[in-house]
C-alpha atoms as a PDB file:
ATOM      1  CA  MET A   1      72.207  31.742 -85.331  1.00  0.00           C
ATOM      2  CA  SER A   2      69.412  30.615 -83.088  1.00  0.00           C
ATOM      3  CA  ARG A   3      67.531  33.192 -81.085  1.00  0.00           C
ATOM      4  CA  VAL A   4      66.398  32.762 -77.495  1.00  0.00           C
ATOM      5  CA  GLN A   5      63.027  34.353 -76.867  1.00  0.00           C
ATOM      6  CA  ARG A   6      62.553  35.730 -73.395  1.00  0.00           C
ATOM      7  CA  SER A   7      59.080  35.821 -71.932  1.00  0.00           C
ATOM      8  CA  SER A   8      57.726  39.179 -70.917  1.00  0.00           C
ATOM      9  CA  PRO A   9      57.556  40.131 -67.214  1.00  0.00           C
ATOM     10  CA  ALA A  10      53.755  39.874 -67.373  1.00  0.00           C
ATOM     11  CA  ARG A  11      53.941  36.380 -68.838  1.00  0.00           C
ATOM     12  CA  ARG A  12      56.495  35.274 -66.254  1.00  0.00           C
ATOM     13  CA  ALA A  13      54.304  36.679 -63.469  1.00  0.00           C
ATOM     14  CA  ALA A  14      51.272  34.826 -64.813  1.00  0.00           C
ATOM     15  CA  SER A  15      53.256  31.588 -64.890  1.00  0.00           C
ATOM     16  CA  VAL A  16      54.349  32.090 -61.296  1.00  0.00           C
ATOM     17  CA  VAL A  17      50.774  32.760 -60.161  1.00  0.00           C
ATOM     18  CA  ALA A  18      49.516  29.666 -61.977  1.00  0.00           C
ATOM     19  CA  GLY A  19      52.232  27.589 -60.352  1.00  0.00           C
ATOM     20  CA  VAL A  20      51.419  28.913 -56.903  1.00  0.00           C
ATOM     21  CA  LEU A  21      47.718  28.187 -57.359  1.00  0.00           C
ATOM     22  CA  ALA A  22      48.436  24.652 -58.553  1.00  0.00           C
ATOM     23  CA  LEU A  23      50.709  24.088 -55.560  1.00  0.00           C
ATOM     24  CA  ALA A  24      48.029  25.425 -53.224  1.00  0.00           C
ATOM     25  CA  VAL A  25      45.493  22.942 -54.590  1.00  0.00           C
ATOM     26  CA  LEU A  26      47.948  20.089 -54.049  1.00  0.00           C
ATOM     27  CA  VAL A  27      48.698  21.255 -50.517  1.00  0.00           C
ATOM     28  CA  VAL A  28      45.000  21.489 -49.620  1.00  0.00           C
ATOM     29  CA  GLY A  29      44.370  17.989 -50.932  1.00  0.00           C
ATOM     30  CA  ALA A  30      47.390  16.569 -49.143  1.00  0.00           C
ATOM     31  CA  VAL A  31      46.525  18.205 -45.840  1.00  0.00           C
ATOM     32  CA  ALA A  32      42.922  17.016 -46.014  1.00  0.00           C
ATOM     33  CA  LEU A  33      44.113  13.506 -46.813  1.00  0.00           C
ATOM     34  CA  VAL A  34      46.794  13.244 -44.150  1.00  0.00           C
ATOM     35  CA  ALA A  35      45.643  15.447 -41.301  1.00  0.00           C
ATOM     36  CA  GLY A  36      41.943  14.708 -41.525  1.00  0.00           C
ATOM     37  CA  PRO A  37      38.726  16.725 -41.348  1.00  0.00           C
ATOM     38  CA  GLY A  38      39.079  20.286 -40.181  1.00  0.00           C
ATOM     39  CA  SER A  39      42.672  20.524 -41.365  1.00  0.00           C
ATOM     40  CA  VAL A  40      41.818  22.653 -44.401  1.00  0.00           C
ATOM     41  CA  THR A  41      40.021  25.141 -42.195  1.00  0.00           C
ATOM     42  CA  GLY A  42      42.994  25.295 -39.865  1.00  0.00           C
ATOM     43  CA  LEU A  43      45.469  25.836 -42.692  1.00  0.00           C
ATOM     44  CA  PHE A  44      43.492  28.590 -44.398  1.00  0.00           C
ATOM     45  CA  PRO A  45      41.614  30.711 -41.849  1.00  0.00           C
ATOM     46  CA  GLY A  46      38.276  31.889 -43.180  1.00  0.00           C
ATOM     47  CA  THR A  47      37.551  28.663 -45.076  1.00  0.00           C
ATOM     48  CA  SER A  48      34.930  26.174 -43.908  1.00  0.00           C
ATOM     49  CA  ASP A  49      34.575  22.414 -43.726  1.00  0.00           C
ATOM     50  CA  CYS A  50      30.969  22.593 -44.963  1.00  0.00           C
ATOM     51  CA  THR A  51      28.960  24.860 -47.225  1.00  0.00           C
ATOM     52  CA  ALA A  52      25.224  25.402 -47.548  1.00  0.00           C
ATOM     53  CA  THR A  53      24.099  26.984 -50.805  1.00  0.00           C
ATOM     54  CA  ARG A  54      20.863  28.373 -52.157  1.00  0.00           C
ATOM     55  CA  GLY A  55      20.592  30.572 -55.188  1.00  0.00           C
ATOM     56  CA  GLY A  56      23.682  32.741 -55.183  1.00  0.00           C
ATOM     57  CA  THR A  57      24.171  32.669 -51.418  1.00  0.00           C
ATOM     58  CA  GLU A  58      26.707  30.441 -49.656  1.00  0.00           C
ATOM     59  CA  VAL A  59      27.030  29.958 -45.920  1.00  0.00           C
ATOM     60  CA  GLY A  60      30.216  28.411 -44.536  1.00  0.00           C
ATOM     61  CA  LEU A  61      29.903  26.062 -41.573  1.00  0.00           C
ATOM     62  CA  SER A  62      32.262  23.992 -39.489  1.00  0.00           C
ATOM     63  CA  THR A  63      31.617  20.257 -39.376  1.00  0.00           C
ATOM     64  CA  ALA A  64      30.227  20.617 -35.860  1.00  0.00           C
ATOM     65  CA  GLU A  65      27.873  23.380 -37.002  1.00  0.00           C
ATOM     66  CA  ALA A  66      26.679  21.307 -39.956  1.00  0.00           C
ATOM     67  CA  GLU A  67      26.026  18.387 -37.619  1.00  0.00           C
ATOM     68  CA  ARG A  68      23.998  20.579 -35.284  1.00  0.00           C
ATOM     69  CA  ALA A  69      22.060  22.178 -38.127  1.00  0.00           C
ATOM     70  CA  THR A  70      21.111  18.832 -39.671  1.00  0.00           C
ATOM     71  CA  ARG A  71      19.984  17.562 -36.275  1.00  0.00           C
ATOM     72  CA  VAL A  72      17.671  20.574 -36.100  1.00  0.00           C
ATOM     73  CA  GLY A  73      16.425  19.745 -39.594  1.00  0.00           C
ATOM     74  CA  ALA A  74      15.802  16.099 -38.718  1.00  0.00           C
ATOM     75  CA  ARG A  75      13.928  17.043 -35.561  1.00  0.00           C
ATOM     76  CA  SER A  76      11.836  19.556 -37.505  1.00  0.00           C
ATOM     77  CA  LEU A  77      10.891  16.907 -40.053  1.00  0.00           C
ATOM     78  CA  ARG A  78      10.032  14.421 -37.334  1.00  0.00           C
ATOM     79  CA  LEU A  79       7.737  16.986 -35.705  1.00  0.00           C
ATOM     80  CA  ASP A  80       6.442  18.268 -39.075  1.00  0.00           C
ATOM     81  CA  LEU A  81       7.311  21.863 -38.209  1.00  0.00           C
ATOM     82  CA  PRO A  82       6.983  24.738 -40.706  1.00  0.00           C
ATOM     83  CA  LEU A  83      10.134  25.789 -42.549  1.00  0.00           C
ATOM     84  CA  ARG A  84      10.048  29.199 -40.871  1.00  0.00           C
ATOM     85  CA  THR A  85      10.272  27.467 -37.478  1.00  0.00           C
ATOM     86  CA  THR A  86      13.278  25.490 -38.690  1.00  0.00           C
ATOM     87  CA  THR A  87      14.857  28.711 -39.940  1.00  0.00           C
ATOM     88  CA  ALA A  88      14.424  30.358 -36.549  1.00  0.00           C
ATOM     89  CA  ALA A  89      15.771  27.282 -34.760  1.00  0.00           C
ATOM     90  CA  VAL A  90      18.826  27.050 -37.032  1.00  0.00           C
ATOM     91  CA  GLY A  91      19.504  30.759 -36.635  1.00  0.00           C
ATOM     92  CA  GLY A  92      19.329  30.482 -32.874  1.00  0.00           C
ATOM     93  CA  GLU A  93      21.412  27.313 -32.724  1.00  0.00           C
ATOM     94  CA  LEU A  94      24.218  28.668 -34.912  1.00  0.00           C
ATOM     95  CA  ARG A  95      23.778  32.401 -34.250  1.00  0.00           C
ATOM     96  CA  LEU A  96      23.274  33.179 -37.915  1.00  0.00           C
ATOM     97  CA  ALA A  97      21.760  36.214 -39.567  1.00  0.00           C
ATOM     98  CA  ASP A  98      18.243  35.695 -40.889  1.00  0.00           C
ATOM     99  CA  ASP A  99      19.297  35.364 -44.531  1.00  0.00           C
ATOM    100  CA  GLU A 100      22.039  32.871 -43.651  1.00  0.00           C
ATOM    101  CA  ALA A 101      19.687  30.855 -41.447  1.00  0.00           C
ATOM    102  CA  ALA A 102      17.214  30.654 -44.331  1.00  0.00           C
ATOM    103  CA  VAL A 103      19.876  29.158 -46.618  1.00  0.00           C
ATOM    104  CA  VAL A 104      20.948  26.561 -44.060  1.00  0.00           C
ATOM    105  CA  ALA A 105      17.355  25.700 -43.113  1.00  0.00           C
ATOM    106  CA  ALA A 106      16.424  25.109 -46.759  1.00  0.00           C
ATOM    107  CA  ALA A 107      19.336  22.674 -47.046  1.00  0.00           C
ATOM    108  CA  VAL A 108      18.737  20.730 -43.829  1.00  0.00           C
ATOM    109  CA  ARG A 109      15.016  20.418 -44.620  1.00  0.00           C
ATOM    110  CA  GLY A 110      15.798  19.223 -48.140  1.00  0.00           C
ATOM    111  CA  ARG A 111      14.020  22.150 -49.789  1.00  0.00           C
ATOM    112  CA  ALA A 112      17.277  22.966 -51.607  1.00  0.00           C
ATOM    113  CA  ARG A 113      18.756  19.962 -53.396  1.00  0.00           C
ATOM    114  CA  HIS A 114      22.428  18.913 -53.247  1.00  0.00           C
ATOM    115  CA  ALA A 115      22.858  22.151 -51.303  1.00  0.00           C
ATOM    116  CA  LEU A 116      24.949  21.023 -48.338  1.00  0.00           C
ATOM    117  CA  THR A 117      28.392  19.550 -48.819  1.00  0.00           C
ATOM    118  CA  CYS A 118      31.349  18.947 -46.538  1.00  0.00           C
ATOM    119  CA  VAL A 119      35.045  18.234 -46.979  1.00  0.00           C
ATOM    120  CA  HIS A 120      36.282  15.149 -45.167  1.00  0.00           C
ATOM    121  CA  ALA A 121      39.511  13.222 -45.522  1.00  0.00           C
ATOM    122  CA  GLY A 122      37.887   9.818 -45.844  1.00  0.00           C
ATOM    123  CA  ARG A 123      40.708   7.984 -44.062  1.00  0.00           C
ATOM    124  CA  VAL A 124      39.706   5.672 -41.236  1.00  0.00           C
ATOM    125  CA  ALA A 125      41.015   2.468 -39.718  1.00  0.00           C
ATOM    126  CA  GLU A 126      39.965  -0.803 -41.338  1.00  0.00           C
ATOM    127  CA  GLU A 127      36.909  -2.514 -39.906  1.00  0.00           C
ATOM    128  CA  PRO A 128      36.416  -6.238 -39.221  1.00  0.00           C
ATOM    129  CA  ASP A 129      34.268  -7.944 -41.858  1.00  0.00           C
ATOM    130  CA  GLY A 130      31.860  -9.605 -39.416  1.00  0.00           C
ATOM    131  CA  LEU A 131      28.121  -8.973 -39.829  1.00  0.00           C
ATOM    132  CA  ASP A 132      25.524  -8.536 -37.117  1.00  0.00           C
ATOM    133  CA  ALA A 133      22.151 -10.267 -36.975  1.00  0.00           C
ATOM    134  CA  ARG A 134      20.731  -7.849 -39.555  1.00  0.00           C
ATOM    135  CA  GLY A 135      23.603  -8.482 -41.971  1.00  0.00           C
ATOM    136  CA  LEU A 136      25.421  -5.192 -41.369  1.00  0.00           C
ATOM    137  CA  THR A 137      28.963  -4.347 -40.355  1.00  0.00           C
ATOM    138  CA  ALA A 138      29.415  -2.475 -37.095  1.00  0.00           C
ATOM    139  CA  ARG A 139      29.783   0.874 -38.854  1.00  0.00           C
ATOM    140  CA  ALA A 140      26.741   0.343 -41.066  1.00  0.00           C
ATOM    141  CA  ALA A 141      24.724  -0.716 -38.033  1.00  0.00           C
ATOM    142  CA  THR A 142      25.740   2.518 -36.304  1.00  0.00           C
ATOM    143  CA  VAL A 143      24.512   4.528 -39.297  1.00  0.00           C
ATOM    144  CA  ARG A 144      21.195   2.661 -39.250  1.00  0.00           C
ATOM    145  CA  THR A 145      20.665   3.361 -35.560  1.00  0.00           C
ATOM    146  CA  ASP A 146      21.693   6.984 -35.977  1.00  0.00           C
ATOM    147  CA  LEU A 147      19.213   7.571 -38.811  1.00  0.00           C
ATOM    148  CA  VAL A 148      16.350   6.073 -36.840  1.00  0.00           C
ATOM    149  CA  ASP A 149      17.281   8.129 -33.784  1.00  0.00           C
ATOM    150  CA  ALA A 150      17.444  11.318 -35.852  1.00  0.00           C
ATOM    151  CA  PHE A 151      14.484  10.924 -38.216  1.00  0.00           C
ATOM    152  CA  GLY A 152      12.292   8.349 -36.536  1.00  0.00           C
ATOM    153  CA  ARG A 153      11.011   5.228 -38.230  1.00  0.00           C
ATOM    154  CA  GLN A 154      12.476   4.794 -41.718  1.00  0.00           C
ATOM    155  CA  ALA A 155      11.825   2.528 -44.712  1.00  0.00           C
ATOM    156  CA  LEU A 156      15.225   0.838 -44.749  1.00  0.00           C
ATOM    157  CA  GLY A 157      16.614  -1.915 -46.957  1.00  0.00           C
ATOM    158  CA  GLY A 158      19.587  -3.192 -48.892  1.00  0.00           C
ATOM    159  CA  TYR A 159      20.642  -5.680 -46.211  1.00  0.00           C
ATOM    160  CA  ALA A 160      19.424  -8.985 -44.817  1.00  0.00           C
ATOM    161  CA  PRO A 161      20.424 -11.522 -42.141  1.00  0.00           C
ATOM    162  CA  GLY A 162      23.458 -13.385 -43.402  1.00  0.00           C
ATOM    163  CA  GLY A 163      24.125 -10.744 -46.053  1.00  0.00           C
ATOM    164  CA  VAL A 164      22.745 -10.091 -49.546  1.00  0.00           C
ATOM    165  CA  THR A 165      24.117 -11.664 -52.722  1.00  0.00           C
ATOM    166  CA  THR A 166      21.867 -10.314 -55.478  1.00  0.00           C
ATOM    167  CA  GLY A 167      19.891  -7.248 -56.488  1.00  0.00           C
ATOM    168  CA  HIS A 168      22.688  -4.686 -56.674  1.00  0.00           C
ATOM    169  CA  MET A 169      25.389  -3.591 -59.082  1.00  0.00           C
ATOM    170  CA  PRO A 170      28.617  -5.656 -59.256  1.00  0.00           C
ATOM    171  CA  GLY A 171      31.045  -4.701 -56.504  1.00  0.00           C
ATOM    172  CA  SER A 172      28.332  -3.013 -54.455  1.00  0.00           C
ATOM    173  CA  ALA A 173      29.042  -2.333 -50.794  1.00  0.00           C
ATOM    174  CA  HIS A 174      25.673  -3.996 -50.101  1.00  0.00           C
ATOM    175  CA  TYR A 175      27.324  -7.370 -50.683  1.00  0.00           C
ATOM    176  CA  GLU A 176      29.759  -6.639 -47.856  1.00  0.00           C
ATOM    177  CA  GLY A 177      27.093  -5.428 -45.437  1.00  0.00           C
ATOM    178  CA  ARG A 178      28.458  -1.881 -45.589  1.00  0.00           C
ATOM    179  CA  ALA A 179      25.478  -0.201 -47.235  1.00  0.00           C
ATOM    180  CA  ILE A 180      21.938   0.855 -46.392  1.00  0.00           C
ATOM    181  CA  ASP A 181      19.147   2.187 -48.592  1.00  0.00           C
ATOM    182  CA  VAL A 182      16.574   4.637 -47.231  1.00  0.00           C
ATOM    183  CA  PHE A 183      13.444   4.577 -49.397  1.00  0.00           C
ATOM    184  CA  TYR A 184      11.187   7.522 -50.196  1.00  0.00           C
ATOM    185  CA  ARG A 185       8.324   6.128 -52.251  1.00  0.00           C
ATOM    186  CA  PRO A 186       6.339   7.207 -54.139  1.00  0.00           C
ATOM    187  CA  VAL A 187       8.533   9.956 -55.546  1.00  0.00           C
ATOM    188  CA  THR A 188       6.742  13.196 -54.701  1.00  0.00           C
ATOM    189  CA  PRO A 189       8.030  16.698 -53.934  1.00  0.00           C
ATOM    190  CA  ALA A 190       7.575  16.013 -50.216  1.00  0.00           C
ATOM    191  CA  ALA A 191       9.390  12.671 -50.459  1.00  0.00           C
ATOM    192  CA  LYS A 192      12.160  14.310 -52.462  1.00  0.00           C
ATOM    193  CA  ALA A 193      12.655  16.915 -49.740  1.00  0.00           C
ATOM    194  CA  ARG A 194      12.850  14.230 -47.047  1.00  0.00           C
ATOM    195  CA  GLY A 195      15.366  12.344 -49.151  1.00  0.00           C
ATOM    196  CA  TRP A 196      17.606  15.376 -49.535  1.00  0.00           C
ATOM    197  CA  ALA A 197      17.317  16.153 -45.834  1.00  0.00           C
ATOM    198  CA  THR A 198      18.589  12.626 -45.150  1.00  0.00           C
ATOM    199  CA  ALA A 199      21.358  12.864 -47.753  1.00  0.00           C
ATOM    200  CA  HIS A 200      22.552  16.195 -46.353  1.00  0.00           C
ATOM    201  CA  TYR A 201      22.438  14.792 -42.821  1.00  0.00           C
ATOM    202  CA  LEU A 202      24.666  11.879 -43.825  1.00  0.00           C
ATOM    203  CA  VAL A 203      27.196  14.173 -45.494  1.00  0.00           C
ATOM    204  CA  ALA A 204      27.294  16.477 -42.472  1.00  0.00           C
ATOM    205  CA  HIS A 205      27.886  13.499 -40.164  1.00  0.00           C
ATOM    206  CA  ALA A 206      30.225  11.632 -42.519  1.00  0.00           C
ATOM    207  CA  GLU A 207      33.272  12.120 -40.308  1.00  0.00           C
ATOM    208  CA  ARG A 208      31.528  10.897 -37.162  1.00  0.00           C
ATOM    209  CA  LEU A 209      29.831   7.945 -38.869  1.00  0.00           C
ATOM    210  CA  ASP A 210      32.701   6.951 -41.202  1.00  0.00           C
ATOM    211  CA  VAL A 211      30.473   7.465 -44.237  1.00  0.00           C
ATOM    212  CA  ALA A 212      32.233   6.785 -47.537  1.00  0.00           C
ATOM    213  CA  THR A 213      29.469   7.376 -50.102  1.00  0.00           C
ATOM    214  CA  VAL A 214      26.046   9.004 -50.328  1.00  0.00           C
ATOM    215  CA  ILE A 215      23.964   8.717 -53.518  1.00  0.00           C
ATOM    216  CA  TYR A 216      20.566  10.278 -54.146  1.00  0.00           C
ATOM    217  CA  ASP A 217      18.488  11.691 -56.969  1.00  0.00           C
ATOM    218  CA  GLY A 218      21.159  11.381 -59.650  1.00  0.00           C
ATOM    219  CA  ARG A 219      23.926  12.840 -57.465  1.00  0.00           C
ATOM    220  CA  ILE A 220      26.835  11.330 -55.546  1.00  0.00           C
ATOM    221  CA  TRP A 221      29.059  12.536 -52.708  1.00  0.00           C
ATOM    222  CA  THR A 222      32.135  10.592 -51.643  1.00  0.00           C
ATOM    223  CA  ALA A 223      34.540  11.202 -48.796  1.00  0.00           C
ATOM    224  CA  ARG A 224      37.519  10.524 -51.067  1.00  0.00           C
ATOM    225  CA  ARG A 225      36.433  13.231 -53.520  1.00  0.00           C
ATOM    226  CA  SER A 226      34.620  15.478 -51.076  1.00  0.00           C
ATOM    227  CA  LEU A 227      36.484  18.556 -52.322  1.00  0.00           C
ATOM    228  CA  GLN A 228      34.333  18.226 -55.448  1.00  0.00           C
ATOM    229  CA  GLY A 229      31.082  18.246 -53.491  1.00  0.00           C
ATOM    230  CA  TRP A 230      28.001  16.662 -55.040  1.00  0.00           C
ATOM    231  CA  ARG A 231      28.720  15.256 -58.506  1.00  0.00           C
ATOM    232  CA  ASP A 232      26.490  13.891 -61.244  1.00  0.00           C
ATOM    233  CA  TYR A 233      25.775  10.178 -60.904  1.00  0.00           C
ATOM    234  CA  PRO A 234      25.023   8.799 -64.385  1.00  0.00           C
ATOM    235  CA  PRO A 235      24.430   5.021 -64.242  1.00  0.00           C
ATOM    236  CA  ASP A 236      23.921   3.084 -67.461  1.00  0.00           C
ATOM    237  CA  THR A 237      20.152   3.044 -68.007  1.00  0.00           C
ATOM    238  CA  SER A 238      20.184   2.107 -71.696  1.00  0.00           C
ATOM    239  CA  GLY A 239      17.373  -0.282 -72.571  1.00  0.00           C
ATOM    240  CA  ARG A 240      15.801   0.054 -69.119  1.00  0.00           C
ATOM    241  CA  SER A 241      12.245   1.059 -68.343  1.00  0.00           C
ATOM    242  CA  ALA A 242      11.586   4.426 -66.733  1.00  0.00           C
ATOM    243  CA  GLU A 243      10.835   2.679 -63.452  1.00  0.00           C
ATOM    244  CA  VAL A 244      14.105   0.731 -63.447  1.00  0.00           C
ATOM    245  CA  ALA A 245      16.066   3.792 -64.556  1.00  0.00           C
ATOM    246  CA  ALA A 246      14.641   5.754 -61.622  1.00  0.00           C
ATOM    247  CA  VAL A 247      15.892   3.091 -59.220  1.00  0.00           C
ATOM    248  CA  LEU A 248      19.347   2.967 -60.813  1.00  0.00           C
ATOM    249  CA  GLU A 249      19.565   6.753 -60.587  1.00  0.00           C
ATOM    250  CA  HIS A 250      18.510   6.572 -56.932  1.00  0.00           C
ATOM    251  CA  ARG A 251      15.495   8.818 -57.479  1.00  0.00           C
ATOM    252  CA  ASP A 252      13.477   6.875 -54.907  1.00  0.00           C
ATOM    253  CA  HIS A 253      16.079   6.081 -52.269  1.00  0.00           C
ATOM    254  CA  VAL A 254      19.181   7.375 -50.534  1.00  0.00           C
ATOM    255  CA  HIS A 255      22.154   5.023 -50.629  1.00  0.00           C
ATOM    256  CA  VAL A 256      24.789   5.295 -47.934  1.00  0.00           C
ATOM    257  CA  ASP A 257      27.827   3.102 -47.434  1.00  0.00           C
ATOM    258  CA  VAL A 258      30.568   3.217 -44.847  1.00  0.00           C
ATOM    259  CA  ALA A 259      34.324   2.834 -44.998  1.00  0.00           C
ATOM    260  CA  ASP A 260      35.681  -0.695 -45.265  1.00  0.00           C
END
């Protein structure tokens, strides 16, 4: 005679909890995908669209707060202000405690790497394929103008009048005029900080600017997988020189592309 084994109450409870957690993850992803940015925060009060991290400290921010904080960071870089001044300005702008302001300031000034991430749905209306005189789509051109307005004069590339057809990986958004590179050469600690300040700015403003992808310093953030934050970006560098590998890993430039 066969025997039917019944699970213990503890085991059944654990299964129920696991199922509920799995369902919650699916719901969060679905809401973010369908309802758009800010929907996760609205569904679960106390959560945030954006997070700044340094050491073991996390500071939750709304998208609007992250946008404002990164504008403060960009202005501070443009004026070459001390980090402590940025910290005070961020704290005043967002009404943060001193320790929280220090975490956010380190992120928006690029002193903390891959330290600011935001959750965005990544769903926008399709854009016409036409290019402007610089070889950029309308959305990419908006990003270019926005970066110059925020940070001042930039070393920009990855586009050309009439479009580019070589020099990038197969399938690159550069070939569609949807991508811009912001160069920080030579690679120094100061240049690295400016690069991360730019990368964090683009992530914070991804919803407003229809940003799809940001890549810098061996890390990648995408709107479609924004719940995962900054991820490793491991391009194939086998057989390449150190200089070429650094370019492929985006050690010397921030790549940004916009939604199609």
